Amino acid sequence: MQDIITEINSSRGSSFSVYPNPLKGEVYIDCKTEIPNASCEVFDLKGHLIVGNKNLSIKNTISFTSFPSGMYTIKVRDDNEVVIKKFLKL
């Protein structure tokens, strides 16, 4: 289901950019415009929430320096859209 949401949002043009992938230290989440109620969540491979951030601004940074190497899922959402991406931390 998560892959379907990502594919749908990627095909229609997302309001969010999430990069780089793979990452070493930080991930960046950019919103095209100021979006009320935008938030993000980071999950580990087991599905545990490890970071939550409400009220995203236009430019956002999440540090992964204290997290071990591996795969993570980032979910960015607002009232109209959900973008889910998997990331590899080196």
C-alpha atoms as a PDB file:
ATOM      1  CA  MET A   1       0.000   0.000   0.000  1.00  0.00           C
ATOM      2  CA  GLN A   2       2.800   2.437   0.857  1.00  0.00           C
ATOM      3  CA  ASP A   3       4.406   1.935  -2.573  1.00  0.00           C
ATOM      4  CA  ILE A   4       1.060   2.711  -4.238  1.00  0.00           C
ATOM      5  CA  ILE A   5       0.782   6.011  -2.331  1.00  0.00           C
ATOM      6  CA  THR A   6       4.337   6.955  -3.305  1.00  0.00           C
ATOM      7  CA  GLU A   7       3.776   6.069  -6.952  1.00  0.00           C
ATOM      8  CA  ILE A   8       0.527   8.033  -7.111  1.00  0.00           C
ATOM      9  CA  ASN A   9       2.089  11.118  -5.564  1.00  0.00           C
ATOM     10  CA  SER A  10       5.207  10.878  -7.712  1.00  0.00           C
ATOM     11  CA  SER A  11       3.153  10.722 -10.887  1.00  0.00           C
ATOM     12  CA  ARG A  12       0.999  13.745 -10.119  1.00  0.00           C
ATOM     13  CA  GLY A  13       3.808  15.997  -8.908  1.00  0.00           C
ATOM     14  CA  SER A  14       4.421  16.256  -5.205  1.00  0.00           C
ATOM     15  CA  SER A  15       4.404  19.371  -3.041  1.00  0.00           C
ATOM     16  CA  PHE A  16       7.422  17.943  -1.178  1.00  0.00           C
ATOM     17  CA  SER A  17      11.024  17.101  -2.075  1.00  0.00           C
ATOM     18  CA  VAL A  18      12.862  14.645   0.179  1.00  0.00           C
ATOM     19  CA  TYR A  19      16.600  14.096  -0.494  1.00  0.00           C
ATOM     20  CA  PRO A  20      19.393  12.821  -0.689  1.00  0.00           C
ATOM     21  CA  ASN A  21      19.132   9.077  -1.039  1.00  0.00           C
ATOM     22  CA  PRO A  22      21.295   7.382   0.099  1.00  0.00           C
ATOM     23  CA  LEU A  23      22.174   9.734   2.927  1.00  0.00           C
ATOM     24  CA  LYS A  24      25.117   9.997   5.291  1.00  0.00           C
ATOM     25  CA  GLY A  25      24.148  12.539   7.910  1.00  0.00           C
ATOM     26  CA  GLU A  26      21.043  14.582   7.155  1.00  0.00           C
ATOM     27  CA  VAL A  27      17.902  14.372   5.087  1.00  0.00           C
ATOM     28  CA  TYR A  28      16.256  17.495   3.685  1.00  0.00           C
ATOM     29  CA  ILE A  29      12.541  18.027   3.239  1.00  0.00           C
ATOM     30  CA  ASP A  30      11.566  21.009   1.110  1.00  0.00           C
ATOM     31  CA  CYS A  31       7.993  22.191   0.625  1.00  0.00           C
ATOM     32  CA  LYS A  32       7.184  24.077  -2.578  1.00  0.00           C
ATOM     33  CA  THR A  33       5.111  26.574  -0.606  1.00  0.00           C
ATOM     34  CA  GLU A  34       4.182  27.205   3.015  1.00  0.00           C
ATOM     35  CA  ILE A  35       1.763  24.380   3.781  1.00  0.00           C
ATOM     36  CA  PRO A  36      -0.392  24.503   6.908  1.00  0.00           C
ATOM     37  CA  ASN A  37      -0.546  21.252   8.882  1.00  0.00           C
ATOM     38  CA  ALA A  38       2.419  19.661   7.045  1.00  0.00           C
ATOM     39  CA  SER A  39       4.250  17.066   9.131  1.00  0.00           C
ATOM     40  CA  CYS A  40       6.759  14.261   8.760  1.00  0.00           C
ATOM     41  CA  GLU A  41       7.542  11.008  10.517  1.00  0.00           C
ATOM     42  CA  VAL A  42      10.598   8.765  10.279  1.00  0.00           C
ATOM     43  CA  PHE A  43      10.264   5.017  10.881  1.00  0.00           C
ATOM     44  CA  ASP A  44      12.876   2.292  11.233  1.00  0.00           C
ATOM     45  CA  LEU A  45      12.643  -1.052   9.424  1.00  0.00           C
ATOM     46  CA  LYS A  46      10.478  -2.512  12.193  1.00  0.00           C
ATOM     47  CA  GLY A  47       7.958   0.297  11.761  1.00  0.00           C
ATOM     48  CA  HIS A  48       8.827   2.102  14.993  1.00  0.00           C
ATOM     49  CA  LEU A  49       8.441   5.874  14.940  1.00  0.00           C
ATOM     50  CA  ILE A  50      11.857   7.387  15.661  1.00  0.00           C
ATOM     51  CA  VAL A  51      11.297  11.051  14.724  1.00  0.00           C
ATOM     52  CA  GLY A  52       8.149  13.114  14.389  1.00  0.00           C
ATOM     53  CA  ASN A  53       8.015  16.727  13.263  1.00  0.00           C
ATOM     54  CA  LYS A  54       4.810  18.761  13.037  1.00  0.00           C
ATOM     55  CA  ASN A  55       4.424  22.149  11.378  1.00  0.00           C
ATOM     56  CA  LEU A  56       7.040  21.824   8.661  1.00  0.00           C
ATOM     57  CA  SER A  57       8.432  25.023   7.211  1.00  0.00           C
ATOM     58  CA  ILE A  58       9.547  25.469   3.596  1.00  0.00           C
ATOM     59  CA  LYS A  59      13.085  24.123   4.331  1.00  0.00           C
ATOM     60  CA  ASN A  60      13.551  21.327   6.904  1.00  0.00           C
ATOM     61  CA  THR A  61      16.480  19.182   8.021  1.00  0.00           C
ATOM     62  CA  ILE A  62      16.464  15.942   9.999  1.00  0.00           C
ATOM     63  CA  SER A  63      19.772  14.691  11.387  1.00  0.00           C
ATOM     64  CA  PHE A  64      20.457  10.978  11.021  1.00  0.00           C
ATOM     65  CA  THR A  65      23.931  11.143  12.606  1.00  0.00           C
ATOM     66  CA  SER A  66      22.834   9.296  15.766  1.00  0.00           C
ATOM     67  CA  PHE A  67      20.940   6.584  13.839  1.00  0.00           C
ATOM     68  CA  PRO A  68      22.623   3.341  12.776  1.00  0.00           C
ATOM     69  CA  SER A  69      23.132   2.528   9.104  1.00  0.00           C
ATOM     70  CA  GLY A  70      20.147   0.885   7.445  1.00  0.00           C
ATOM     71  CA  MET A  71      16.810   1.478   5.757  1.00  0.00           C
ATOM     72  CA  TYR A  72      14.322   4.075   6.984  1.00  0.00           C
ATOM     73  CA  THR A  73      10.894   5.223   5.824  1.00  0.00           C
ATOM     74  CA  ILE A  74       9.958   8.895   5.778  1.00  0.00           C
ATOM     75  CA  LYS A  75       6.294   9.892   5.588  1.00  0.00           C
ATOM     76  CA  VAL A  76       5.500  13.527   4.767  1.00  0.00           C
ATOM     77  CA  ARG A  77       1.879  14.640   4.792  1.00  0.00           C
ATOM     78  CA  ASP A  78      -0.455  17.578   4.721  1.00  0.00           C
ATOM     79  CA  ASP A  79      -4.246  17.778   4.556  1.00  0.00           C
ATOM     80  CA  ASN A  80      -4.307  16.694   0.884  1.00  0.00           C
ATOM     81  CA  GLU A  81      -1.251  14.530   0.251  1.00  0.00           C
ATOM     82  CA  VAL A  82       0.895  11.768   1.722  1.00  0.00           C
ATOM     83  CA  VAL A  83       4.383  11.039   0.358  1.00  0.00           C
ATOM     84  CA  ILE A  84       6.207   7.955   1.588  1.00  0.00           C
ATOM     85  CA  LYS A  85       9.837   7.279   0.664  1.00  0.00           C
ATOM     86  CA  LYS A  86      12.379   4.697   1.734  1.00  0.00           C
ATOM     87  CA  PHE A  87      15.935   5.831   2.418  1.00  0.00           C
ATOM     88  CA  LEU A  88      19.260   4.147   2.993  1.00  0.00           C
ATOM     89  CA  LYS A  89      21.536   5.619   5.646  1.00  0.00           C
ATOM     90  CA  LEU A  90      25.165   4.770   4.949  1.00  0.00           C
END
